[in-house]
Protein backbone atom coordinates (compact mmCIF):
# COMPACT_ATOMS: atom_id res chain seq x y z
CA MET A 1 0.05 -0.09 0.31
CA ASN A 2 1.66 3.48 -0.87
CA LYS A 3 0.31 5.27 1.96
CA VAL A 4 2.07 8.03 4.42
CA TYR A 5 0.43 8.56 7.59
CA VAL A 6 1.22 11.79 8.91
CA VAL A 7 0.67 11.21 12.89
CA GLY A 8 -0.01 13.78 15.54
CA ILE A 9 1.09 12.00 18.80
CA GLY A 10 -0.19 14.46 21.27
CA PRO A 11 2.39 15.73 23.56
CA GLY A 12 4.39 12.71 24.70
CA GLY A 13 2.34 10.67 27.04
CA ALA A 14 0.73 7.82 25.51
CA ASP A 15 -2.21 8.27 26.94
CA GLN A 16 -2.90 11.35 25.37
CA ILE A 17 -2.30 9.33 21.62
CA THR A 18 -5.64 9.35 20.14
CA PRO A 19 -7.39 6.15 18.93
CA GLN A 20 -7.21 7.07 15.42
CA ALA A 21 -2.95 8.01 15.62
CA ARG A 22 -2.80 4.37 17.60
CA GLU A 23 -4.70 2.69 14.86
CA ALA A 24 -2.21 4.58 12.19
CA MET A 25 0.57 3.53 13.48
CA ASP A 26 -0.39 0.01 13.85
CA ARG A 27 -1.12 -0.18 10.41
CA ALA A 28 2.15 1.08 9.69
CA GLU A 29 5.10 -0.76 8.34
CA VAL A 30 7.41 1.80 9.04
CA LEU A 31 7.74 4.51 11.55
CA CYS A 32 9.28 7.60 10.79
CA GLY A 33 10.26 11.19 12.60
CA TYR A 34 12.42 13.20 14.87
CA THR A 35 14.46 11.09 16.94
CA VAL A 36 12.82 11.94 20.46
CA TYR A 37 9.33 11.36 18.72
CA ILE A 38 10.39 8.14 17.54
CA ASP A 39 11.99 7.47 20.99
CA LEU A 40 8.31 8.53 22.59
CA VAL A 41 6.47 5.69 20.55
CA ARG A 42 9.56 3.16 20.66
CA PRO A 43 8.17 1.08 23.93
CA LEU A 44 4.75 0.71 22.14
CA TYR A 45 6.28 -0.90 18.86
CA PRO A 46 9.38 -2.37 19.72
CA ASP A 47 9.44 -4.55 16.84
CA LYS A 48 8.86 -2.06 14.14
CA GLU A 49 11.29 -0.78 11.34
CA VAL A 50 11.88 3.07 11.87
CA PHE A 51 14.46 5.62 10.65
CA THR A 52 14.87 8.91 12.33
CA THR A 53 16.68 11.98 11.15
CA PRO A 54 17.78 14.66 13.77
CA MET A 55 16.55 18.51 13.51
CA THR A 56 16.73 20.77 10.58
CA ARG A 57 16.49 17.77 8.46
CA GLU A 58 12.99 17.81 7.62
CA ARG A 59 12.88 17.85 4.05
CA GLU A 60 15.02 14.69 3.86
CA ARG A 61 13.17 12.91 6.14
CA CYS A 62 9.76 13.69 4.46
CA ARG A 63 11.42 12.65 0.98
CA ARG A 64 12.46 9.54 2.43
CA ALA A 65 9.07 8.83 3.88
CA MET A 66 7.23 9.45 0.29
CA GLU A 67 9.98 7.08 -1.34
CA THR A 68 9.75 4.46 1.28
CA ALA A 69 5.68 4.54 0.40
CA ARG A 70 6.39 4.71 -3.28
CA SER A 71 8.42 1.35 -3.03
CA GLY A 72 5.01 -0.25 -1.46
CA ARG A 73 5.09 0.24 2.23
CA THR A 74 2.99 1.89 4.54
CA VAL A 75 4.77 4.63 6.40
CA ALA A 76 3.67 6.66 9.58
CA MET A 77 5.52 9.76 9.78
CA LEU A 78 5.48 11.16 13.58
CA CYS A 79 5.13 14.60 14.79
CA SER A 80 4.46 16.28 18.22
CA GLY A 81 1.06 17.45 18.99
CA ASP A 82 -0.87 18.00 15.82
CA ALA A 83 0.58 16.92 12.35
CA GLY A 84 -0.44 20.35 10.93
CA VAL A 85 0.87 22.57 13.32
CA TYR A 86 4.22 23.21 13.01
CA GLY A 87 4.45 19.87 12.04
CA MET A 88 5.13 17.64 8.36
CA ALA A 89 1.77 17.44 7.14
CA GLY A 90 2.77 20.58 4.64
CA PRO A 91 5.99 19.93 3.68
CA LEU A 92 4.55 15.98 2.99
CA LEU A 93 1.50 17.72 0.97
CA GLN A 94 4.07 19.84 -0.87
CA LEU A 95 5.73 16.51 -2.44
CA CYS A 96 2.50 15.00 -3.65
CA PRO A 97 3.10 16.17 -6.98
CA GLU A 98 6.24 14.41 -7.10
CA PHE A 99 4.51 11.26 -5.63
CA PRO A 100 1.42 10.95 -7.28
CA GLU A 101 0.89 7.16 -6.64
CA VAL A 102 1.60 7.76 -2.70
CA GLU A 103 -1.61 8.67 -0.64
CA VAL A 104 -1.21 10.70 2.11
CA GLU A 105 -3.61 10.86 5.00
CA VAL A 106 -3.14 13.73 7.75
CA VAL A 107 -3.72 12.20 11.68
CA PRO A 108 -4.49 14.92 13.91
CA GLY A 109 -3.13 14.87 17.45
CA VAL A 110 -3.38 16.98 20.75
CA THR A 111 -1.08 20.37 20.09
CA ALA A 112 0.40 21.90 23.19
CA ALA A 113 -1.75 24.63 23.17
CA LEU A 114 -5.00 22.36 24.39
CA SER A 115 -3.03 20.28 26.11
CA GLY A 116 -1.08 23.07 28.03
CA GLY A 117 -3.88 24.93 28.38
CA ALA A 118 -5.64 22.04 29.78
CA ALA A 119 -2.94 22.17 32.46
CA LEU A 120 -3.57 25.70 33.08
CA GLY A 121 -7.06 25.82 33.27
CA ALA A 122 -8.74 27.51 30.45
CA PRO A 123 -6.61 30.45 29.06
CA LEU A 124 -8.11 30.20 25.38
CA MET A 125 -11.97 30.02 26.01
CA HIS A 126 -12.22 33.30 23.78
CA ASP A 127 -10.10 34.61 20.37
CA PHE A 128 -6.46 33.26 20.87
CA CYS A 129 -3.26 33.00 18.23
CA VAL A 130 -0.91 30.57 18.29
CA ILE A 131 2.92 32.12 17.42
CA SER A 132 6.51 30.44 17.49
CA LEU A 133 9.36 32.51 18.90
CA SER A 134 11.83 30.23 16.48
CA ASP A 135 13.40 32.35 13.47
CA LEU A 136 14.98 29.06 12.11
CA LEU A 137 12.49 29.64 9.17
CA THR A 138 10.85 33.03 10.14
CA PRO A 139 12.70 36.20 10.55
CA TRP A 140 12.43 38.03 14.01
CA GLU A 141 11.05 41.18 12.28
CA THR A 142 8.03 39.11 11.48
CA ILE A 143 7.62 37.49 14.41
CA GLU A 144 7.68 40.60 16.46
CA SER A 145 4.98 42.13 14.03
CA ARG A 146 2.86 39.21 14.89
CA LEU A 147 3.26 39.75 18.09
CA LEU A 148 2.35 43.52 18.33
CA CYS A 149 -0.71 42.84 16.29
CA ALA A 150 -1.72 39.84 18.46
CA ALA A 151 -1.33 42.08 21.50
CA ARG A 152 -3.13 45.28 19.94
CA GLY A 153 -6.03 42.40 19.08
CA ASP A 154 -6.04 41.81 22.68
CA PHE A 155 -5.81 38.21 22.26
CA SER A 156 -4.87 35.28 24.53
CA ILE A 157 -1.60 33.90 23.01
CA CYS A 158 0.21 31.03 23.10
CA LEU A 159 3.87 31.07 22.44
CA TYR A 160 5.38 27.78 21.05
CA ASN A 161 9.22 27.21 20.93
CA PRO A 162 10.12 30.46 23.43
CA SER A 163 13.71 29.80 24.18
CA SER A 164 16.98 27.87 23.36
CA LYS A 165 20.57 27.93 24.05
CA LYS A 166 20.80 30.16 20.88
CA ARG A 167 17.59 32.14 21.63
CA ALA A 168 18.26 32.73 25.33
CA ASP A 169 16.50 36.24 25.42
CA TYR A 170 13.78 35.68 22.94
CA LEU A 171 11.07 35.47 25.56
CA ARG A 172 12.35 38.36 27.51
CA ARG A 173 12.37 40.23 23.88
CA ALA A 174 8.66 38.94 22.94
CA CYS A 175 7.34 40.22 26.47
CA ASP A 176 8.90 43.62 26.16
CA ILE A 177 6.94 43.89 22.97
CA LEU A 178 3.43 42.94 24.23
CA LEU A 179 4.37 45.51 27.19
CA ARG A 180 3.63 48.17 24.77
CA GLU A 181 0.09 47.24 24.42
CA LYS A 182 -0.44 45.02 27.52
CA GLY A 183 -0.48 45.72 31.04
CA PRO A 184 2.28 44.43 33.34
CA GLU A 185 -0.31 42.33 35.67
CA THR A 186 -1.58 40.62 32.47
CA VAL A 187 -2.37 37.07 33.51
CA CYS A 188 0.39 34.55 32.04
CA GLY A 189 1.45 31.08 32.59
CA TRP A 190 3.80 28.16 31.41
CA VAL A 191 3.91 24.51 31.18
CA ARG A 192 6.73 22.09 30.71
CA ASN A 193 7.10 18.80 29.69
CA ILE A 194 3.36 18.71 29.31
CA GLY A 195 1.94 15.22 29.77
CA ARG A 196 5.19 13.73 30.56
CA GLU A 197 7.30 12.87 33.52
CA GLY A 198 8.12 15.95 35.43
CA GLN A 199 5.77 18.10 33.87
CA GLU A 200 5.59 21.53 35.87
CA ARG A 201 3.27 24.67 35.17
CA ARG A 202 3.08 28.19 36.98
CA VAL A 203 0.82 31.17 36.60
CA LEU A 204 2.25 34.70 36.43
CA THR A 205 2.09 37.97 35.60
CA LEU A 206 3.93 39.36 32.51
CA SER A 207 6.17 41.37 34.29
CA GLU A 208 6.94 38.26 35.73
CA LEU A 209 6.88 36.43 32.82
CA ARG A 210 9.79 38.54 31.46
CA GLU A 211 12.48 37.48 34.08
CA GLU A 212 11.49 33.61 33.87
CA THR A 213 14.04 30.90 32.07
CA VAL A 214 12.48 28.33 30.02
CA ASP A 215 13.26 25.82 27.29
CA MET A 216 12.00 24.23 24.12
CA PHE A 217 10.02 22.03 26.22
CA THR A 218 8.08 24.65 27.68
CA THR A 219 4.75 26.32 26.20
CA VAL A 220 3.78 29.88 27.29
CA PHE A 221 0.56 31.66 27.76
CA ILE A 222 0.05 35.39 27.78
CA GLY A 223 -3.54 36.17 28.71
CA SER A 224 -6.07 39.05 27.12
CA SER A 225 -7.04 41.61 29.03
CA ALA A 226 -9.93 39.72 30.35
CA THR A 227 -8.18 36.89 31.85
CA ARG A 228 -8.25 35.94 35.45
CA THR A 229 -6.65 33.97 38.07
CA VAL A 230 -9.56 31.69 39.55
CA SER A 231 -8.49 28.72 42.36
CA GLY A 232 -4.68 29.26 40.56
CA ARG A 233 -5.68 28.62 37.01
CA MET A 234 -5.97 31.11 34.17
CA VAL A 235 -9.37 31.23 32.89
CA THR A 236 -10.33 33.90 30.14
CA PRO A 237 -13.85 34.18 30.30
CA ARG A 238 -16.34 33.64 27.11
CA GLY A 239 -18.75 36.00 27.99
CA TYR A 240 -21.43 33.81 28.83
CA GLU A 241 -22.10 36.01 32.51
CA ALA A 242 -23.41 38.83 30.19
CA LYS A 243 -25.10 36.64 28.26
CA ALA A 244 -27.47 35.74 31.09
């Protein structure tokens, strides 16, 4: 069967992999993905053939998956969270014209905005946006513009890839941009290692967030002007009170 499943495996815990994702991995003869993602599911499929590539070699990984499927094998390309949110669904679908005999099926998963939001409470109950602070593929000037527009629109904001060794000050820089439009007491939060052993979370203000040290395994949430702390949880009201 000439097929590639692009599978979102969720935040990392086996209990957060959807039944549809498990079914796709069960059917696959070959699992492929970034090394960390393969390691997360390897205990579930110890006998499956796998191939991995390190970060920054995503196009090579996608092409090899398509070539393997063209040879008549069923492949599952694994992505953390959701395959269509900063995942491999786009690059694989862009290759489809070169591999017309290969069918690609996108299998959704639980992205960090949802799993992290649940850990913090309900920060995304109203309109929100998701922005990655990684400038590997997007110029920082564009990221800065998006942050400012989101702040001016008073969205709740979820930040992916908030920091790394090479980008240690990016979260601070992002907070400085947001503080142009948002108050320092804006309710914020972060979750580290979502759905995995050692999960941590904290609710804090935007001014406090500016001083935080986070890593690539952390997802950051900045509330809107309506976001409140309720019993230690982030809550962005939907407006039902006014309707009542």
